[in-house]
Amino acid sequence: MDHPDINSMSKAEAAFPLPDSLEKAMQRLEEIVQAMESEKLSLDTLIAHYEEGVKLVKFCQGRLDGAEQRIRIVARDLEGKISLQSFEQT
């Protein structure tokens, strides 16, 4: 019996195209969860849904991380100068 090596996960992940937005990724994740919870699926189909879901979660986390890095709060210091502060500093 052949066991997949570490490289097979990236090959499997490549089979699922990434959506073009966070909203579409979240919608697809909801569809996957509903299908896995409500339908009688074969083991292979369940695994394929799981792999796609993992890829979508990574995509969503990357988008959210990127958005967090771009969030800046404009604040005025005591001298009236405008400065940018990172999201975490507030």
Protein backbone atom coordinates (compact mmCIF):
# COMPACT_ATOMS: atom_id res chain seq x y z
CA MET A 1 0.00 0.00 0.00
CA ASP A 2 1.45 3.34 -1.06
CA HIS A 3 1.30 6.17 1.44
CA PRO A 4 1.29 9.73 0.13
CA ASP A 5 4.42 11.69 0.86
CA ILE A 6 4.58 15.29 1.99
CA ASN A 7 4.64 16.51 -1.62
CA SER A 8 1.31 14.89 -2.47
CA MET A 9 -0.58 17.45 -0.38
CA SER A 10 0.64 20.30 -2.53
CA LYS A 11 -0.33 18.34 -5.65
CA ALA A 12 -3.80 17.78 -4.24
CA GLU A 13 -4.11 21.42 -3.24
CA ALA A 14 -3.18 22.49 -6.76
CA ALA A 15 -6.31 20.74 -8.04
CA PHE A 16 -8.56 23.38 -6.43
CA PRO A 17 -8.45 26.88 -7.92
CA LEU A 18 -8.43 29.75 -5.45
CA PRO A 19 -11.36 32.17 -5.51
CA ASP A 20 -10.79 35.79 -6.39
CA SER A 21 -12.19 37.19 -3.13
CA LEU A 22 -12.48 36.48 0.57
CA GLU A 23 -16.26 36.48 0.28
CA LYS A 24 -16.25 33.80 -2.41
CA ALA A 25 -13.82 31.70 -0.38
CA MET A 26 -16.04 31.94 2.69
CA GLN A 27 -19.10 31.03 0.63
CA ARG A 28 -17.33 27.97 -0.79
CA LEU A 29 -16.23 26.94 2.72
CA GLU A 30 -19.85 27.11 3.86
CA GLU A 31 -20.90 24.94 0.91
CA ILE A 32 -18.21 22.38 1.72
CA VAL A 33 -19.21 22.20 5.39
CA GLN A 34 -22.90 21.81 4.52
CA ALA A 35 -22.15 19.05 2.04
CA MET A 36 -19.91 17.20 4.48
CA GLU A 37 -22.50 17.45 7.25
CA SER A 38 -25.63 16.65 5.30
CA GLU A 39 -24.73 14.32 2.45
CA LYS A 40 -23.59 10.74 2.40
CA LEU A 41 -20.27 11.16 0.68
CA SER A 42 -17.61 8.62 -0.12
CA LEU A 43 -14.37 8.72 1.83
CA ASP A 44 -12.51 9.99 -1.24
CA THR A 45 -15.01 12.83 -1.68
CA LEU A 46 -14.80 13.72 2.01
CA ILE A 47 -11.01 13.85 1.80
CA ALA A 48 -11.16 15.99 -1.34
CA HIS A 49 -13.57 18.40 0.40
CA TYR A 50 -11.27 18.49 3.42
CA GLU A 51 -8.23 19.29 1.26
CA GLU A 52 -10.12 22.04 -0.56
CA GLY A 53 -11.32 23.43 2.78
CA VAL A 54 -7.79 23.56 4.17
CA LYS A 55 -6.61 25.42 1.10
CA LEU A 56 -9.51 27.89 1.39
CA VAL A 57 -8.83 28.48 5.11
CA LYS A 58 -5.18 29.27 4.32
CA PHE A 59 -6.33 31.66 1.57
CA CYS A 60 -8.78 33.41 3.91
CA GLN A 61 -6.19 33.72 6.68
CA GLY A 62 -3.73 35.24 4.23
CA ARG A 63 -6.32 37.77 3.06
CA LEU A 64 -7.24 38.69 6.63
CA ASP A 65 -3.58 39.01 7.62
CA GLY A 66 -3.00 41.29 4.64
CA ALA A 67 -6.01 43.43 5.54
CA GLU A 68 -4.87 43.73 9.14
CA GLN A 69 -1.44 44.93 8.01
CA ARG A 70 -3.06 47.62 5.84
CA ILE A 71 -5.28 48.98 8.59
CA ARG A 72 -3.82 52.14 9.98
CA ILE A 73 -5.28 54.65 12.35
CA VAL A 74 -4.60 58.27 11.72
CA ALA A 75 -3.70 59.95 14.95
CA ARG A 76 -2.42 63.35 15.82
CA ASP A 77 0.44 63.66 18.22
CA LEU A 78 0.74 66.48 20.72
CA GLU A 79 2.33 68.79 18.14
CA GLY A 80 -0.56 68.32 15.73
CA LYS A 81 1.42 66.18 13.31
CA ILE A 82 -0.45 63.36 11.67
CA SER A 83 1.12 59.98 12.12
CA LEU A 84 0.16 56.47 11.18
CA GLN A 85 -0.08 53.84 13.88
CA SER A 86 -0.30 50.16 13.24
CA PHE A 87 -3.49 48.31 14.09
CA GLU A 88 -1.87 46.47 17.02
CA GLN A 89 -0.73 49.67 18.76
CA THR A 90 -4.25 50.82 19.56
